[in-house]
Amino acid sequence: MPNTKSASKRLRQNERRRVRNKGERSRLKTAIKRVRTASEPQEASVAFHEASKLIDRAAGRGLIHQNQASRSKSRLASHVRKVGGSV
């Protein structure tokens, strides 16, 4: 339990951020999974562009590290090319 007023405020803020970050991470994972499970080249390309936007946004907000974002996008792009879609 927090002992001071500022500590209790910090606790409330952290809880709000934790819930928001959890939702964002979930959306990110779902978008990446859509790219991985896409069977059609066109579908994979569209899913990649959506996932790429979400990955960049997550990295910009500090949800994931910039290197992790670059690595994820690179791996997804190579997967899309393997399926036959354009990046």
C-alpha atoms as a PDB file:
ATOM      1  CA  MET A   1       0.000   0.000   0.000  1.00  0.00           C
ATOM      2  CA  PRO A   2       1.266   3.484  -0.795  1.00  0.00           C
ATOM      3  CA  ASN A   3       2.178   5.701   2.118  1.00  0.00           C
ATOM      4  CA  THR A   4       1.937   9.106   0.480  1.00  0.00           C
ATOM      5  CA  LYS A   5      -0.527  10.909  -1.728  1.00  0.00           C
ATOM      6  CA  SER A   6       1.931  11.021  -4.618  1.00  0.00           C
ATOM      7  CA  ALA A   7       2.647   7.310  -4.284  1.00  0.00           C
ATOM      8  CA  SER A   8      -1.052   6.483  -4.473  1.00  0.00           C
ATOM      9  CA  LYS A   9      -1.396   8.639  -7.582  1.00  0.00           C
ATOM     10  CA  ARG A  10       1.591   6.865  -9.126  1.00  0.00           C
ATOM     11  CA  LEU A  11      -0.096   3.528  -8.351  1.00  0.00           C
ATOM     12  CA  ARG A  12      -3.276   4.624 -10.137  1.00  0.00           C
ATOM     13  CA  GLN A  13      -1.334   5.882 -13.149  1.00  0.00           C
ATOM     14  CA  ASN A  14       0.694   2.690 -13.402  1.00  0.00           C
ATOM     15  CA  GLU A  15      -2.454   0.573 -13.312  1.00  0.00           C
ATOM     16  CA  ARG A  16      -4.070   2.594 -16.118  1.00  0.00           C
ATOM     17  CA  ARG A  17      -0.912   2.326 -18.214  1.00  0.00           C
ATOM     18  CA  ARG A  18      -0.577  -1.404 -17.543  1.00  0.00           C
ATOM     19  CA  VAL A  19      -4.103  -2.066 -18.801  1.00  0.00           C
ATOM     20  CA  ARG A  20      -3.619   0.125 -21.877  1.00  0.00           C
ATOM     21  CA  ASN A  21      -0.246  -1.467 -22.694  1.00  0.00           C
ATOM     22  CA  LYS A  22      -1.707  -4.940 -22.325  1.00  0.00           C
ATOM     23  CA  GLY A  23      -4.373  -4.107 -24.903  1.00  0.00           C
ATOM     24  CA  GLU A  24      -1.845  -2.612 -27.292  1.00  0.00           C
ATOM     25  CA  ARG A  25       0.450  -5.635 -26.987  1.00  0.00           C
ATOM     26  CA  SER A  26      -2.493  -7.905 -27.678  1.00  0.00           C
ATOM     27  CA  ARG A  27      -3.440  -5.951 -30.820  1.00  0.00           C
ATOM     28  CA  LEU A  28       0.184  -6.097 -31.937  1.00  0.00           C
ATOM     29  CA  LYS A  29       0.431  -9.859 -31.468  1.00  0.00           C
ATOM     30  CA  THR A  30      -2.853 -10.388 -33.311  1.00  0.00           C
ATOM     31  CA  ALA A  31      -1.677  -8.279 -36.266  1.00  0.00           C
ATOM     32  CA  ILE A  32       1.582 -10.237 -36.462  1.00  0.00           C
ATOM     33  CA  LYS A  33      -0.325 -13.523 -36.286  1.00  0.00           C
ATOM     34  CA  ARG A  34      -2.561 -12.401 -39.180  1.00  0.00           C
ATOM     35  CA  VAL A  35       0.529 -11.926 -41.349  1.00  0.00           C
ATOM     36  CA  ARG A  36       1.921 -15.324 -40.359  1.00  0.00           C
ATOM     37  CA  THR A  37      -1.331 -17.187 -41.041  1.00  0.00           C
ATOM     38  CA  ALA A  38      -2.214 -15.425 -44.311  1.00  0.00           C
ATOM     39  CA  SER A  39      -2.305 -17.914 -47.148  1.00  0.00           C
ATOM     40  CA  GLU A  40      -2.992 -15.571 -50.069  1.00  0.00           C
ATOM     41  CA  PRO A  41      -0.208 -13.215 -51.232  1.00  0.00           C
ATOM     42  CA  GLN A  42      -2.560 -10.215 -51.405  1.00  0.00           C
ATOM     43  CA  GLU A  43      -3.939 -10.933 -47.946  1.00  0.00           C
ATOM     44  CA  ALA A  44      -0.397 -11.262 -46.557  1.00  0.00           C
ATOM     45  CA  SER A  45       0.636  -7.918 -48.078  1.00  0.00           C
ATOM     46  CA  VAL A  46      -2.340  -6.065 -46.621  1.00  0.00           C
ATOM     47  CA  ALA A  47      -1.841  -7.693 -43.221  1.00  0.00           C
ATOM     48  CA  PHE A  48       1.859  -6.801 -43.323  1.00  0.00           C
ATOM     49  CA  HIS A  49       1.164  -3.121 -43.912  1.00  0.00           C
ATOM     50  CA  GLU A  50      -1.297  -3.028 -41.011  1.00  0.00           C
ATOM     51  CA  ALA A  51       1.117  -4.881 -38.721  1.00  0.00           C
ATOM     52  CA  SER A  52       3.972  -2.630 -39.779  1.00  0.00           C
ATOM     53  CA  LYS A  53       2.005   0.459 -38.744  1.00  0.00           C
ATOM     54  CA  LEU A  54       1.180  -1.048 -35.364  1.00  0.00           C
ATOM     55  CA  ILE A  55       4.777  -2.135 -34.786  1.00  0.00           C
ATOM     56  CA  ASP A  56       6.101   1.351 -35.562  1.00  0.00           C
ATOM     57  CA  ARG A  57       3.502   2.933 -33.299  1.00  0.00           C
ATOM     58  CA  ALA A  58       4.361   0.561 -30.452  1.00  0.00           C
ATOM     59  CA  ALA A  59       8.065   1.331 -30.811  1.00  0.00           C
ATOM     60  CA  GLY A  60       7.409   5.055 -30.882  1.00  0.00           C
ATOM     61  CA  ARG A  61       5.427   4.860 -27.657  1.00  0.00           C
ATOM     62  CA  GLY A  62       8.072   2.761 -25.923  1.00  0.00           C
ATOM     63  CA  LEU A  63       5.910  -0.348 -25.766  1.00  0.00           C
ATOM     64  CA  ILE A  64       8.627  -2.348 -27.528  1.00  0.00           C
ATOM     65  CA  HIS A  65      12.250  -1.501 -28.276  1.00  0.00           C
ATOM     66  CA  GLN A  66      13.133  -0.005 -31.660  1.00  0.00           C
ATOM     67  CA  ASN A  67      15.449  -2.929 -32.454  1.00  0.00           C
ATOM     68  CA  GLN A  68      12.688  -5.404 -31.697  1.00  0.00           C
ATOM     69  CA  ALA A  69      10.372  -3.477 -34.005  1.00  0.00           C
ATOM     70  CA  SER A  70      12.913  -3.539 -36.833  1.00  0.00           C
ATOM     71  CA  ARG A  71      13.579  -7.234 -36.317  1.00  0.00           C
ATOM     72  CA  SER A  72       9.860  -8.077 -36.334  1.00  0.00           C
ATOM     73  CA  LYS A  73       9.210  -6.069 -39.493  1.00  0.00           C
ATOM     74  CA  SER A  74      12.182  -7.641 -41.242  1.00  0.00           C
ATOM     75  CA  ARG A  75      11.090 -11.168 -40.386  1.00  0.00           C
ATOM     76  CA  LEU A  76       7.505 -10.473 -41.409  1.00  0.00           C
ATOM     77  CA  ALA A  77       8.648  -8.926 -44.693  1.00  0.00           C
ATOM     78  CA  SER A  78      10.714 -11.985 -45.540  1.00  0.00           C
ATOM     79  CA  HIS A  79       7.740 -14.194 -44.712  1.00  0.00           C
ATOM     80  CA  VAL A  80       5.467 -12.148 -47.001  1.00  0.00           C
ATOM     81  CA  ARG A  81       8.002 -12.408 -49.818  1.00  0.00           C
ATOM     82  CA  LYS A  82       8.181 -16.175 -49.305  1.00  0.00           C
ATOM     83  CA  VAL A  83       4.382 -16.425 -49.585  1.00  0.00           C
ATOM     84  CA  GLY A  84       4.581 -14.450 -52.812  1.00  0.00           C
ATOM     85  CA  GLY A  85       3.238 -11.080 -51.742  1.00  0.00           C
ATOM     86  CA  SER A  86       4.814  -7.690 -52.217  1.00  0.00           C
ATOM     87  CA  VAL A  87       6.197  -5.716 -49.310  1.00  0.00           C
END
